[in-house]
């Protein structure tokens, strides 16, 4: 905890420093957003980041690759997330990627899947449709990462300051 006993003159200096910190944090946030979107090509929702990995892998290898990166094979849990991921695939000039759904999983929304071909893995098409695919097929895939929030509170210097950063590990 940071404790400060200050005179009126000191508090003015602290406010100026905090104001400069706020500007710096804003600039840092913009730089991080640039790196995420342009350099890394990440897409994001409120809770997660998504990374399209352009290294063809079999399903199990894709699962392990995402895990080694600190995430999981992406599983769209809403229509909006499904659309975001499908657009991501389409904008990358691709037609299909592995997603972290297997047909024996109870979470699979059956209406999303095209007719079964006796395969247990699922691909996301650039149209947003899910389709069965052989698990031994090699293709690109999308990893997902939870957002981690860091919050700093400096309330003992006369006013609250809340700074938060989001990043993926």
Protein backbone atom coordinates (compact mmCIF):
# COMPACT_ATOMS: atom_id res chain seq x y z
CA UNK A 1 0.00 0.00 0.00
CA UNK A 2 1.12 3.50 -0.79
CA UNK A 3 0.53 6.09 1.92
CA UNK A 4 1.12 9.76 1.43
CA UNK A 5 0.76 12.75 3.68
CA UNK A 6 0.97 15.80 1.51
CA UNK A 7 0.56 19.50 1.63
CA UNK A 8 -1.56 21.35 -0.90
CA UNK A 9 1.57 22.00 -2.94
CA UNK A 10 2.62 18.33 -2.90
CA UNK A 11 -0.82 17.10 -3.97
CA UNK A 12 -0.66 19.33 -7.03
CA UNK A 13 2.60 17.69 -8.07
CA UNK A 14 1.13 14.23 -7.49
CA UNK A 15 -1.93 15.08 -9.56
CA UNK A 16 0.33 16.24 -12.38
CA UNK A 17 2.37 13.02 -12.21
CA UNK A 18 -0.80 10.91 -12.17
CA UNK A 19 -2.12 12.88 -15.14
CA UNK A 20 1.09 12.17 -17.03
CA UNK A 21 0.83 8.50 -16.03
CA UNK A 22 -2.72 8.42 -17.35
CA UNK A 23 -1.55 9.80 -20.72
CA UNK A 24 1.31 7.28 -20.82
CA UNK A 25 -1.05 4.40 -20.01
CA UNK A 26 -3.33 5.54 -22.85
CA UNK A 27 -0.40 5.57 -25.26
CA UNK A 28 0.73 2.16 -24.00
CA UNK A 29 -2.79 0.81 -24.50
CA UNK A 30 -2.79 2.05 -28.10
CA UNK A 31 0.63 0.49 -28.72
CA UNK A 32 -0.50 -2.84 -27.27
CA UNK A 33 -3.65 -2.73 -29.41
CA UNK A 34 -1.49 -2.08 -32.49
CA UNK A 35 0.78 -5.03 -31.68
CA UNK A 36 -2.19 -7.33 -31.02
CA UNK A 37 -4.09 -6.43 -34.17
CA UNK A 38 -1.39 -5.68 -36.72
CA UNK A 39 1.72 -7.58 -35.73
CA UNK A 40 0.15 -10.63 -34.10
CA UNK A 41 -3.15 -10.50 -35.98
CA UNK A 42 -5.21 -11.15 -32.85
CA UNK A 43 -8.96 -10.72 -32.69
CA UNK A 44 -10.73 -10.21 -29.39
CA UNK A 45 -14.01 -10.23 -27.51
CA UNK A 46 -14.70 -8.89 -24.03
CA UNK A 47 -13.24 -12.01 -22.41
CA UNK A 48 -10.88 -13.64 -24.90
CA UNK A 49 -8.21 -13.18 -27.56
CA UNK A 50 -8.10 -15.33 -30.70
CA UNK A 51 -4.97 -16.14 -32.70
CA UNK A 52 -5.10 -17.74 -36.15
CA UNK A 53 -2.14 -20.11 -36.38
CA UNK A 54 -1.00 -20.66 -39.95
CA UNK A 55 0.89 -23.86 -39.31
CA UNK A 56 -0.94 -26.92 -40.66
CA UNK A 57 -1.42 -29.50 -37.91
CA UNK A 58 -3.56 -32.54 -37.18
CA UNK A 59 -6.28 -31.98 -34.60
CA UNK A 60 -4.34 -33.40 -31.62
CA UNK A 61 -1.21 -31.45 -32.65
CA UNK A 62 -3.30 -28.26 -32.89
CA UNK A 63 -4.65 -28.89 -29.38
CA UNK A 64 -1.12 -29.31 -28.03
CA UNK A 65 0.20 -26.29 -29.96
CA UNK A 66 -2.45 -24.02 -28.44
CA UNK A 67 -1.71 -25.43 -24.99
CA UNK A 68 2.02 -24.76 -25.43
CA UNK A 69 1.16 -21.15 -26.35
CA UNK A 70 -0.79 -20.80 -23.10
CA UNK A 71 -4.28 -21.17 -24.56
CA UNK A 72 -6.73 -23.70 -25.90
CA UNK A 73 -8.12 -24.58 -29.30
CA UNK A 74 -10.86 -21.98 -29.86
CA UNK A 75 -14.46 -22.90 -29.10
CA UNK A 76 -17.02 -20.33 -30.26
CA UNK A 77 -19.66 -20.20 -27.53
CA UNK A 78 -21.90 -17.53 -29.06
CA UNK A 79 -23.16 -16.48 -32.46
CA UNK A 80 -21.12 -13.27 -32.25
CA UNK A 81 -17.91 -15.14 -31.45
CA UNK A 82 -18.62 -17.64 -34.23
CA UNK A 83 -19.07 -14.73 -36.68
CA UNK A 84 -15.87 -13.02 -35.46
CA UNK A 85 -13.90 -16.24 -35.96
CA UNK A 86 -15.45 -16.92 -39.39
CA UNK A 87 -14.60 -13.37 -40.51
CA UNK A 88 -11.07 -13.86 -39.18
CA UNK A 89 -10.71 -17.00 -41.32
CA UNK A 90 -12.18 -15.29 -44.38
CA UNK A 91 -10.02 -12.15 -44.04
CA UNK A 92 -6.94 -14.38 -43.87
CA UNK A 93 -7.90 -15.81 -47.26
CA UNK A 94 -8.67 -19.23 -45.79
CA UNK A 95 -11.74 -21.43 -46.10
CA UNK A 96 -11.52 -23.63 -43.00
CA UNK A 97 -9.74 -24.12 -39.67
CA UNK A 98 -9.89 -26.54 -36.78
CA UNK A 99 -11.88 -25.43 -33.75
CA UNK A 100 -11.87 -27.02 -30.32
CA UNK A 101 -15.07 -28.97 -30.70
CA UNK A 102 -15.40 -32.71 -31.04
CA UNK A 103 -18.77 -34.29 -31.81
CA UNK A 104 -18.75 -36.37 -28.65
CA UNK A 105 -18.63 -33.11 -26.65
CA UNK A 106 -22.01 -32.31 -25.09
CA UNK A 107 -21.55 -28.56 -25.77
CA UNK A 108 -21.82 -28.99 -29.54
CA UNK A 109 -24.84 -27.25 -30.96
CA UNK A 110 -26.06 -29.89 -33.40
CA UNK A 111 -27.76 -27.35 -35.71
CA UNK A 112 -24.36 -25.77 -36.44
CA UNK A 113 -22.95 -28.99 -37.87
CA UNK A 114 -23.30 -30.21 -41.41
CA UNK A 115 -24.20 -33.89 -41.89
CA UNK A 116 -21.92 -36.38 -40.13
CA UNK A 117 -19.29 -38.27 -42.09
CA UNK A 118 -18.41 -40.50 -39.11
CA UNK A 119 -15.61 -38.15 -38.05
CA UNK A 120 -15.33 -36.70 -34.58
CA UNK A 121 -13.45 -33.43 -35.20
CA UNK A 122 -14.99 -30.16 -36.30
CA UNK A 123 -13.83 -27.40 -38.62
CA UNK A 124 -15.10 -23.84 -38.86
CA UNK A 125 -15.71 -22.72 -42.43
CA UNK A 126 -15.26 -19.10 -43.50
CA UNK A 127 -19.06 -18.95 -43.92
CA UNK A 128 -19.50 -19.54 -40.17
CA UNK A 129 -20.75 -23.10 -40.63
CA UNK A 130 -19.26 -26.00 -38.69
CA UNK A 131 -18.52 -29.25 -40.48
CA UNK A 132 -17.27 -32.69 -39.51
CA UNK A 133 -13.70 -33.39 -40.56
CA UNK A 134 -11.26 -36.24 -40.16
CA UNK A 135 -9.01 -35.65 -37.16
CA UNK A 136 -5.96 -36.74 -39.16
CA UNK A 137 -6.42 -33.95 -41.73
CA UNK A 138 -3.83 -31.18 -41.47
CA UNK A 139 -5.08 -27.61 -41.44
CA UNK A 140 -4.65 -24.25 -39.77
CA UNK A 141 -6.40 -23.56 -36.46
CA UNK A 142 -7.44 -20.84 -34.04
CA UNK A 143 -6.22 -20.68 -30.44
CA UNK A 144 -8.04 -18.74 -27.75
CA UNK A 145 -6.59 -17.06 -24.69
CA UNK A 146 -8.42 -15.65 -21.67
CA UNK A 147 -7.88 -11.99 -20.95
CA UNK A 148 -5.97 -11.27 -17.76
CA UNK A 149 -6.66 -8.00 -16.00
CA UNK A 150 -4.20 -6.15 -13.81
CA UNK A 151 -5.73 -3.39 -11.74
CA UNK A 152 -3.72 -0.87 -9.73
CA UNK A 153 -5.44 1.31 -7.18
CA UNK A 154 -3.77 4.36 -5.71
CA UNK A 155 -6.40 5.80 -3.42
CA UNK A 156 -4.30 6.96 -0.46
CA UNK A 157 -2.99 10.08 -2.20
CA UNK A 158 -6.28 11.94 -2.14
CA UNK A 159 -8.00 10.56 -5.25
CA UNK A 160 -8.62 7.17 -6.81
CA UNK A 161 -6.66 6.02 -9.83
CA UNK A 162 -7.68 2.89 -11.67
CA UNK A 163 -5.41 1.47 -14.36
CA UNK A 164 -6.14 -1.80 -16.11
CA UNK A 165 -4.23 -3.73 -18.74
CA UNK A 166 -5.40 -6.70 -20.75
CA UNK A 167 -2.96 -9.07 -22.36
CA UNK A 168 -2.61 -12.70 -23.27
CA UNK A 169 0.08 -14.90 -21.92
